[in-house]
Amino acid sequence: MWLTKLKIAIAEKNTDSISVLMDSIPKFESIERMKEAQFLLKEATSLASILQSESLSSMRQIKKNINFIQSTQEVNTRRLDISL
C-alpha cells in the first residue's frame, strides 16, 4: 500500500505527499519490496531536484522581468513641478 501511494505521488509530482510518505516509511517484508522502495525513493529525490531547479529558474526569470519592468517605468521624483 505504501509503495503504491509513493508511486502515485511521484507520478503526480506531489511533493507534499512524498514528504508525508517519507516520514512514515514502513518495514518491508521482502528484499524485493525493499529494492522497489529504494528505487522509488531515488526517483523521488531526483524529482525533488528537478522541481527545485525549475523553481530556481522561474524565480530568476521573474526577477529579470521585474527588473526590466522597473527600468522601463518613469522615474517619479515626488516633487511638485510648477514650471510650465
PDB file of N, CA and C in Angstrom:
ATOM      1  N   MET A   1       0.819  -1.195   0.000  1.00  0.00           N
ATOM      2  CA  MET A   1       0.000   0.000   0.000  1.00  0.00           C
ATOM      3  C   MET A   1       0.867   1.264   0.000  1.00  0.00           C
ATOM      4  N   TRP A   2       1.881   1.290   0.849  1.00  0.00           N
ATOM      5  CA  TRP A   2       2.769   2.445   0.941  1.00  0.00           C
ATOM      6  C   TRP A   2       3.496   2.659  -0.381  1.00  0.00           C
ATOM      7  N   LEU A   3       3.971   1.571  -0.990  1.00  0.00           N
ATOM      8  CA  LEU A   3       4.682   1.682  -2.265  1.00  0.00           C
ATOM      9  C   LEU A   3       3.761   2.227  -3.352  1.00  0.00           C
ATOM     10  N   THR A   4       2.518   1.780  -3.349  1.00  0.00           N
ATOM     11  CA  THR A   4       1.550   2.270  -4.334  1.00  0.00           C
ATOM     12  C   THR A   4       1.312   3.763  -4.157  1.00  0.00           C
ATOM     13  N   LYS A   5       1.158   4.196  -2.924  1.00  0.00           N
ATOM     14  CA  LYS A   5       0.964   5.629  -2.653  1.00  0.00           C
ATOM     15  C   LYS A   5       2.174   6.434  -3.105  1.00  0.00           C
ATOM     16  N   LEU A   6       3.376   5.897  -2.878  1.00  0.00           N
ATOM     17  CA  LEU A   6       4.590   6.594  -3.301  1.00  0.00           C
ATOM     18  C   LEU A   6       4.662   6.677  -4.824  1.00  0.00           C
ATOM     19  N   LYS A   7       4.311   5.599  -5.502  1.00  0.00           N
ATOM     20  CA  LYS A   7       4.296   5.608  -6.976  1.00  0.00           C
ATOM     21  C   LYS A   7       3.343   6.680  -7.492  1.00  0.00           C
ATOM     22  N   ILE A   8       2.170   6.757  -6.895  1.00  0.00           N
ATOM     23  CA  ILE A   8       1.177   7.747  -7.325  1.00  0.00           C
ATOM     24  C   ILE A   8       1.687   9.166  -7.063  1.00  0.00           C
ATOM     25  N   ALA A   9       2.266   9.380  -5.908  1.00  0.00           N
ATOM     26  CA  ALA A   9       2.787  10.712  -5.570  1.00  0.00           C
ATOM     27  C   ALA A   9       3.892  11.129  -6.536  1.00  0.00           C
ATOM     28  N   ILE A  10       4.752  10.191  -6.915  1.00  0.00           N
ATOM     29  CA  ILE A  10       5.819  10.502  -7.866  1.00  0.00           C
ATOM     30  C   ILE A  10       5.229  10.807  -9.234  1.00  0.00           C
ATOM     31  N   ALA A  11       4.266   9.994  -9.669  1.00  0.00           N
ATOM     32  CA  ALA A  11       3.640  10.208 -10.972  1.00  0.00           C
ATOM     33  C   ALA A  11       2.928  11.561 -11.035  1.00  0.00           C
ATOM     34  N   GLU A  12       2.310  11.950  -9.922  1.00  0.00           N
ATOM     35  CA  GLU A  12       1.598  13.230  -9.865  1.00  0.00           C
ATOM     36  C   GLU A  12       2.527  14.399  -9.550  1.00  0.00           C
ATOM     37  N   LYS A  13       3.784  14.114  -9.257  1.00  0.00           N
ATOM     38  CA  LYS A  13       4.762  15.128  -8.848  1.00  0.00           C
ATOM     39  C   LYS A  13       4.264  15.898  -7.628  1.00  0.00           C
ATOM     40  N   ASN A  14       3.674  15.159  -6.697  1.00  0.00           N
ATOM     41  CA  ASN A  14       3.088  15.741  -5.491  1.00  0.00           C
ATOM     42  C   ASN A  14       4.116  15.672  -4.358  1.00  0.00           C
ATOM     43  N   THR A  15       4.876  16.733  -4.192  1.00  0.00           N
ATOM     44  CA  THR A  15       5.956  16.735  -3.197  1.00  0.00           C
ATOM     45  C   THR A  15       5.436  16.687  -1.767  1.00  0.00           C
ATOM     46  N   ASP A  16       4.249  17.220  -1.530  1.00  0.00           N
ATOM     47  CA  ASP A  16       3.679  17.158  -0.180  1.00  0.00           C
ATOM     48  C   ASP A  16       3.398  15.710   0.221  1.00  0.00           C
ATOM     49  N   SER A  17       2.790  14.950  -0.688  1.00  0.00           N
ATOM     50  CA  SER A  17       2.506  13.541  -0.399  1.00  0.00           C
ATOM     51  C   SER A  17       3.790  12.739  -0.236  1.00  0.00           C
ATOM     52  N   ILE A  18       4.780  13.029  -1.070  1.00  0.00           N
ATOM     53  CA  ILE A  18       6.062  12.331  -0.969  1.00  0.00           C
ATOM     54  C   ILE A  18       6.689  12.598   0.394  1.00  0.00           C
ATOM     55  N   SER A  19       6.629  13.834   0.828  1.00  0.00           N
ATOM     56  CA  SER A  19       7.197  14.198   2.127  1.00  0.00           C
ATOM     57  C   SER A  19       6.503  13.458   3.262  1.00  0.00           C
ATOM     58  N   VAL A  20       5.190  13.407   3.212  1.00  0.00           N
ATOM     59  CA  VAL A  20       4.434  12.698   4.249  1.00  0.00           C
ATOM     60  C   VAL A  20       4.793  11.214   4.243  1.00  0.00           C
ATOM     61  N   LEU A  21       4.882  10.631   3.061  1.00  0.00           N
ATOM     62  CA  LEU A  21       5.223   9.213   2.954  1.00  0.00           C
ATOM     63  C   LEU A  21       6.641   8.930   3.445  1.00  0.00           C
ATOM     64  N   MET A  22       7.539   9.832   3.190  1.00  0.00           N
ATOM     65  CA  MET A  22       8.922   9.621   3.621  1.00  0.00           C
ATOM     66  C   MET A  22       9.043   9.713   5.143  1.00  0.00           C
ATOM     67  N   ASP A  23       8.123  10.411   5.777  1.00  0.00           N
ATOM     68  CA  ASP A  23       8.127  10.489   7.242  1.00  0.00           C
ATOM     69  C   ASP A  23       7.608   9.215   7.890  1.00  0.00           C
ATOM     70  N   SER A  24       6.952   8.368   7.086  1.00  0.00           N
ATOM     71  CA  SER A  24       6.354   7.155   7.656  1.00  0.00           C
ATOM     72  C   SER A  24       6.729   5.911   6.840  1.00  0.00           C
ATOM     73  N   ILE A  25       8.014   5.725   6.617  1.00  0.00           N
ATOM     74  CA  ILE A  25       8.471   4.556   5.856  1.00  0.00           C
ATOM     75  C   ILE A  25       8.252   3.300   6.700  1.00  0.00           C
ATOM     76  N   PRO A  26       7.528   2.327   6.137  1.00  0.00           N
ATOM     77  CA  PRO A  26       7.254   1.103   6.904  1.00  0.00           C
ATOM     78  C   PRO A  26       8.420   0.111   6.817  1.00  0.00           C
ATOM     79  N   LYS A  27       8.322  -0.936   7.587  1.00  0.00           N
ATOM     80  CA  LYS A  27       9.281  -2.039   7.486  1.00  0.00           C
ATOM     81  C   LYS A  27       8.759  -2.978   6.408  1.00  0.00           C
ATOM     82  N   PHE A  28       9.638  -3.402   5.526  1.00  0.00           N
ATOM     83  CA  PHE A  28       9.230  -4.248   4.415  1.00  0.00           C
ATOM     84  C   PHE A  28       9.485  -5.718   4.713  1.00  0.00           C
ATOM     85  N   GLU A  29       8.599  -6.572   4.154  1.00  0.00           N
ATOM     86  CA  GLU A  29       8.674  -7.998   4.422  1.00  0.00           C
ATOM     87  C   GLU A  29       9.728  -8.708   3.581  1.00  0.00           C
ATOM     88  N   SER A  30       9.983  -8.195   2.402  1.00  0.00           N
ATOM     89  CA  SER A  30      10.892  -8.902   1.496  1.00  0.00           C
ATOM     90  C   SER A  30      11.945  -7.965   0.927  1.00  0.00           C
ATOM     91  N   ILE A  31      12.985  -8.583   0.425  1.00  0.00           N
ATOM     92  CA  ILE A  31      14.080  -7.819  -0.190  1.00  0.00           C
ATOM     93  C   ILE A  31      13.596  -7.144  -1.466  1.00  0.00           C
ATOM     94  N   GLU A  32      12.699  -7.804  -2.184  1.00  0.00           N
ATOM     95  CA  GLU A  32      12.172  -7.215  -3.422  1.00  0.00           C
ATOM     96  C   GLU A  32      11.444  -5.904  -3.130  1.00  0.00           C
ATOM     97  N   ARG A  33      10.664  -5.904  -2.077  1.00  0.00           N
ATOM     98  CA  ARG A  33       9.948  -4.680  -1.683  1.00  0.00           C
ATOM     99  C   ARG A  33      10.928  -3.591  -1.244  1.00  0.00           C
ATOM    100  N   MET A  34      11.974  -3.984  -0.553  1.00  0.00           N
ATOM    101  CA  MET A  34      12.996  -3.022  -0.124  1.00  0.00           C
ATOM    102  C   MET A  34      13.687  -2.408  -1.335  1.00  0.00           C
ATOM    103  N   LYS A  35      14.008  -3.243  -2.316  1.00  0.00           N
ATOM    104  CA  LYS A  35      14.661  -2.734  -3.525  1.00  0.00           C
ATOM    105  C   LYS A  35      13.733  -1.805  -4.295  1.00  0.00           C
ATOM    106  N   GLU A  36      12.462  -2.172  -4.355  1.00  0.00           N
ATOM    107  CA  GLU A  36      11.487  -1.321  -5.027  1.00  0.00           C
ATOM    108  C   GLU A  36      11.366   0.021  -4.307  1.00  0.00           C
ATOM    109  N   ALA A  37      11.313  -0.022  -2.987  1.00  0.00           N
ATOM    110  CA  ALA A  37      11.239   1.212  -2.201  1.00  0.00           C
ATOM    111  C   ALA A  37      12.487   2.062  -2.409  1.00  0.00           C
ATOM    112  N   GLN A  38      13.643   1.423  -2.444  1.00  0.00           N
ATOM    113  CA  GLN A  38      14.897   2.144  -2.665  1.00  0.00           C
ATOM    114  C   GLN A  38      14.877   2.847  -4.019  1.00  0.00           C
ATOM    115  N   PHE A  39      14.438   2.129  -5.047  1.00  0.00           N
ATOM    116  CA  PHE A  39      14.355   2.720  -6.386  1.00  0.00           C
ATOM    117  C   PHE A  39      13.391   3.904  -6.392  1.00  0.00           C
ATOM    118  N   LEU A  40      12.220   3.732  -5.781  1.00  0.00           N
ATOM    119  CA  LEU A  40      11.230   4.807  -5.759  1.00  0.00           C
ATOM    120  C   LEU A  40      11.728   6.012  -4.972  1.00  0.00           C
ATOM    121  N   LEU A  41      12.443   5.775  -3.896  1.00  0.00           N
ATOM    122  CA  LEU A  41      12.990   6.897  -3.125  1.00  0.00           C
ATOM    123  C   LEU A  41      14.054   7.648  -3.916  1.00  0.00           C
ATOM    124  N   LYS A  42      14.822   6.925  -4.716  1.00  0.00           N
ATOM    125  CA  LYS A  42      15.793   7.602  -5.592  1.00  0.00           C
ATOM    126  C   LYS A  42      15.064   8.444  -6.626  1.00  0.00           C
ATOM    127  N   GLU A  43      13.966   7.912  -7.161  1.00  0.00           N
ATOM    128  CA  GLU A  43      13.168   8.669  -8.127  1.00  0.00           C
ATOM    129  C   GLU A  43      12.561   9.910  -7.477  1.00  0.00           C
ATOM    130  N   ALA A  44      12.094   9.766  -6.253  1.00  0.00           N
ATOM    131  CA  ALA A  44      11.517  10.905  -5.535  1.00  0.00           C
ATOM    132  C   ALA A  44      12.578  11.983  -5.302  1.00  0.00           C
ATOM    133  N   THR A  45      13.782  11.556  -4.965  1.00  0.00           N
ATOM    134  CA  THR A  45      14.878  12.502  -4.760  1.00  0.00           C
ATOM    135  C   THR A  45      15.218  13.216  -6.062  1.00  0.00           C
ATOM    136  N   SER A  46      15.265  12.457  -7.145  1.00  0.00           N
ATOM    137  CA  SER A  46      15.536  13.037  -8.453  1.00  0.00           C
ATOM    138  C   SER A  46      14.447  14.032  -8.844  1.00  0.00           C
ATOM    139  N   LEU A  47      13.199  13.676  -8.598  1.00  0.00           N
ATOM    140  CA  LEU A  47      12.078  14.568  -8.888  1.00  0.00           C
ATOM    141  C   LEU A  47      12.190  15.859  -8.092  1.00  0.00           C
ATOM    142  N   ALA A  48      12.525  15.750  -6.823  1.00  0.00           N
ATOM    143  CA  ALA A  48      12.671  16.946  -5.981  1.00  0.00           C
ATOM    144  C   ALA A  48      13.773  17.853  -6.512  1.00  0.00           C
ATOM    145  N   SER A  49      14.855  17.254  -6.958  1.00  0.00           N
ATOM    146  CA  SER A  49      15.964  18.028  -7.505  1.00  0.00           C
ATOM    147  C   SER A  49      15.547  18.758  -8.782  1.00  0.00           C
ATOM    148  N   ILE A  50      14.830  18.063  -9.641  1.00  0.00           N
ATOM    149  CA  ILE A  50      14.366  18.673 -10.887  1.00  0.00           C
ATOM    150  C   ILE A  50      13.408  19.815 -10.601  1.00  0.00           C
ATOM    151  N   LEU A  51      12.464  19.595  -9.701  1.00  0.00           N
ATOM    152  CA  LEU A  51      11.494  20.645  -9.363  1.00  0.00           C
ATOM    153  C   LEU A  51      12.176  21.845  -8.714  1.00  0.00           C
ATOM    154  N   GLN A  52      13.193  21.595  -7.904  1.00  0.00           N
ATOM    155  CA  GLN A  52      13.941  22.687  -7.276  1.00  0.00           C
ATOM    156  C   GLN A  52      14.655  23.502  -8.344  1.00  0.00           C
ATOM    157  N   SER A  53      15.251  22.825  -9.305  1.00  0.00           N
ATOM    158  CA  SER A  53      15.943  23.518 -10.383  1.00  0.00           C
ATOM    159  C   SER A  53      14.974  24.346 -11.219  1.00  0.00           C
ATOM    160  N   GLU A  54      13.807  23.782 -11.505  1.00  0.00           N
ATOM    161  CA  GLU A  54      12.794  24.529 -12.267  1.00  0.00           C
ATOM    162  C   GLU A  54      12.315  25.750 -11.494  1.00  0.00           C
ATOM    163  N   SER A  55      12.141  25.603 -10.194  1.00  0.00           N
ATOM    164  CA  SER A  55      11.703  26.723  -9.370  1.00  0.00           C
ATOM    165  C   SER A  55      12.747  27.838  -9.355  1.00  0.00           C
ATOM    166  N   LEU A  56      14.004  27.445  -9.226  1.00  0.00           N
ATOM    167  CA  LEU A  56      15.082  28.425  -9.228  1.00  0.00           C
ATOM    168  C   LEU A  56      15.128  29.168 -10.555  1.00  0.00           C
ATOM    169  N   SER A  57      14.963  28.435 -11.649  1.00  0.00           N
ATOM    170  CA  SER A  57      14.962  29.051 -12.971  1.00  0.00           C
ATOM    171  C   SER A  57      13.789  30.026 -13.107  1.00  0.00           C
ATOM    172  N   SER A  58      12.627  29.636 -12.631  1.00  0.00           N
ATOM    173  CA  SER A  58      11.449  30.512 -12.690  1.00  0.00           C
ATOM    174  C   SER A  58      11.651  31.767 -11.852  1.00  0.00           C
ATOM    175  N   MET A  59      12.238  31.598 -10.670  1.00  0.00           N
ATOM    176  CA  MET A  59      12.482  32.751  -9.802  1.00  0.00           C
ATOM    177  C   MET A  59      13.458  33.725 -10.452  1.00  0.00           C
ATOM    178  N   ARG A  60      14.480  33.199 -11.101  1.00  0.00           N
ATOM    179  CA  ARG A  60      15.439  34.074 -11.789  1.00  0.00           C
ATOM    180  C   ARG A  60      14.763  34.833 -12.924  1.00  0.00           C
ATOM    181  N   GLN A  61      13.895  34.141 -13.679  1.00  0.00           N
ATOM    182  CA  GLN A  61      13.201  34.799 -14.773  1.00  0.00           C
ATOM    183  C   GLN A  61      12.254  35.863 -14.254  1.00  0.00           C
ATOM    184  N   ILE A  62      11.571  35.599 -13.164  1.00  0.00           N
ATOM    185  CA  ILE A  62      10.671  36.597 -12.573  1.00  0.00           C
ATOM    186  C   ILE A  62      11.465  37.817 -12.128  1.00  0.00           C
ATOM    187  N   LYS A  63      12.627  37.592 -11.526  1.00  0.00           N
ATOM    188  CA  LYS A  63      13.459  38.713 -11.096  1.00  0.00           C
ATOM    189  C   LYS A  63      13.905  39.549 -12.293  1.00  0.00           C
ATOM    190  N   LYS A  64      14.284  38.893 -13.387  1.00  0.00           N
ATOM    191  CA  LYS A  64      14.675  39.622 -14.598  1.00  0.00           C
ATOM    192  C   LYS A  64      13.501  40.436 -15.127  1.00  0.00           C
ATOM    193  N   ASN A  65      12.319  39.842 -15.114  1.00  0.00           N
ATOM    194  CA  ASN A  65      11.129  40.550 -15.596  1.00  0.00           C
ATOM    195  C   ASN A  65      10.813  41.769 -14.740  1.00  0.00           C
ATOM    196  N   ILE A  66      10.914  41.615 -13.431  1.00  0.00           N
ATOM    197  CA  ILE A  66      10.668  42.743 -12.523  1.00  0.00           C
ATOM    198  C   ILE A  66      11.689  43.849 -12.769  1.00  0.00           C
ATOM    199  N   ASN A  67      12.951  43.477 -12.904  1.00  0.00           N
ATOM    200  CA  ASN A  67      13.991  44.482 -13.162  1.00  0.00           C
ATOM    201  C   ASN A  67      13.744  45.198 -14.484  1.00  0.00           C
ATOM    202  N   PHE A  68      13.308  44.461 -15.503  1.00  0.00           N
ATOM    203  CA  PHE A  68      13.022  45.080 -16.799  1.00  0.00           C
ATOM    204  C   PHE A  68      11.859  46.054 -16.679  1.00  0.00           C
ATOM    205  N   ILE A  69      10.798  45.620 -16.017  1.00  0.00           N
ATOM    206  CA  ILE A  69       9.629  46.497 -15.858  1.00  0.00           C
ATOM    207  C   ILE A  69       9.997  47.754 -15.085  1.00  0.00           C
ATOM    208  N   GLN A  70      10.780  47.597 -14.031  1.00  0.00           N
ATOM    209  CA  GLN A  70      11.190  48.760 -13.245  1.00  0.00           C
ATOM    210  C   GLN A  70      12.075  49.696 -14.062  1.00  0.00           C
ATOM    211  N   SER A  71      12.894  49.154 -14.940  1.00  0.00           N
ATOM    212  CA  SER A  71      13.784  50.006 -15.735  1.00  0.00           C
ATOM    213  C   SER A  71      13.038  50.761 -16.829  1.00  0.00           C
ATOM    214  N   THR A  72      11.859  50.296 -17.219  1.00  0.00           N
ATOM    215  CA  THR A  72      11.105  50.971 -18.268  1.00  0.00           C
ATOM    216  C   THR A  72      10.082  51.958 -17.729  1.00  0.00           C
ATOM    217  N   GLN A  73       9.895  52.002 -16.430  1.00  0.00           N
ATOM    218  CA  GLN A  73       8.928  52.930 -15.843  1.00  0.00           C
ATOM    219  C   GLN A  73       9.568  54.302 -15.669  1.00  0.00           C
ATOM    220  N   GLU A  74       8.705  55.297 -15.692  1.00  0.00           N
ATOM    221  CA  GLU A  74       9.182  56.660 -15.478  1.00  0.00           C
ATOM    222  C   GLU A  74       9.658  56.835 -14.051  1.00  0.00           C
ATOM    223  N   VAL A  75      10.662  57.659 -13.905  1.00  0.00           N
ATOM    224  CA  VAL A  75      11.157  57.963 -12.571  1.00  0.00           C
ATOM    225  C   VAL A  75      10.214  58.975 -11.945  1.00  0.00           C
ATOM    226  N   ASN A  76       9.704  58.671 -10.797  1.00  0.00           N
ATOM    227  CA  ASN A  76       8.803  59.572 -10.090  1.00  0.00           C
ATOM    228  C   ASN A  76       9.642  60.363  -9.085  1.00  0.00           C
ATOM    229  N   THR A  77       9.728  61.654  -9.336  1.00  0.00           N
ATOM    230  CA  THR A  77      10.565  62.487  -8.467  1.00  0.00           C
ATOM    231  C   THR A  77       9.852  62.889  -7.180  1.00  0.00           C
ATOM    232  N   ARG A  78       8.556  62.722  -7.142  1.00  0.00           N
ATOM    233  CA  ARG A  78       7.750  63.069  -5.979  1.00  0.00           C
ATOM    234  C   ARG A  78       7.884  64.557  -5.585  1.00  0.00           C
ATOM    235  N   ARG A  79       8.084  65.396  -6.595  1.00  0.00           N
ATOM    236  CA  ARG A  79       8.127  66.837  -6.346  1.00  0.00           C
ATOM    237  C   ARG A  79       7.066  67.498  -7.183  1.00  0.00           C
ATOM    238  N   LEU A  80       6.581  68.557  -6.695  1.00  0.00           N
ATOM    239  CA  LEU A  80       5.592  69.335  -7.438  1.00  0.00           C
ATOM    240  C   LEU A  80       6.326  70.229  -8.411  1.00  0.00           C
ATOM    241  N   ASP A  81       6.140  69.969  -9.686  1.00  0.00           N
ATOM    242  CA  ASP A  81       6.797  70.757 -10.726  1.00  0.00           C
ATOM    243  C   ASP A  81       5.784  71.771 -11.279  1.00  0.00           C
ATOM    244  N   ILE A  82       5.958  73.023 -10.879  1.00  0.00           N
ATOM    245  CA  ILE A  82       5.001  74.054 -11.298  1.00  0.00           C
ATOM    246  C   ILE A  82       5.552  74.919 -12.425  1.00  0.00           C
ATOM    247  N   SER A  83       6.678  74.586 -12.950  1.00  0.00           N
ATOM    248  CA  SER A  83       7.239  75.392 -14.035  1.00  0.00           C
ATOM    249  C   SER A  83       6.661  74.917 -15.363  1.00  0.00           C
ATOM    250  N   LEU A  84       5.939  75.804 -16.014  1.00  0.00           N
ATOM    251  CA  LEU A  84       5.356  75.486 -17.310  1.00  0.00           C
ATOM    252  C   LEU A  84       5.721  76.472 -18.343  1.00  0.00           C
TER     253      LEU A  84
END
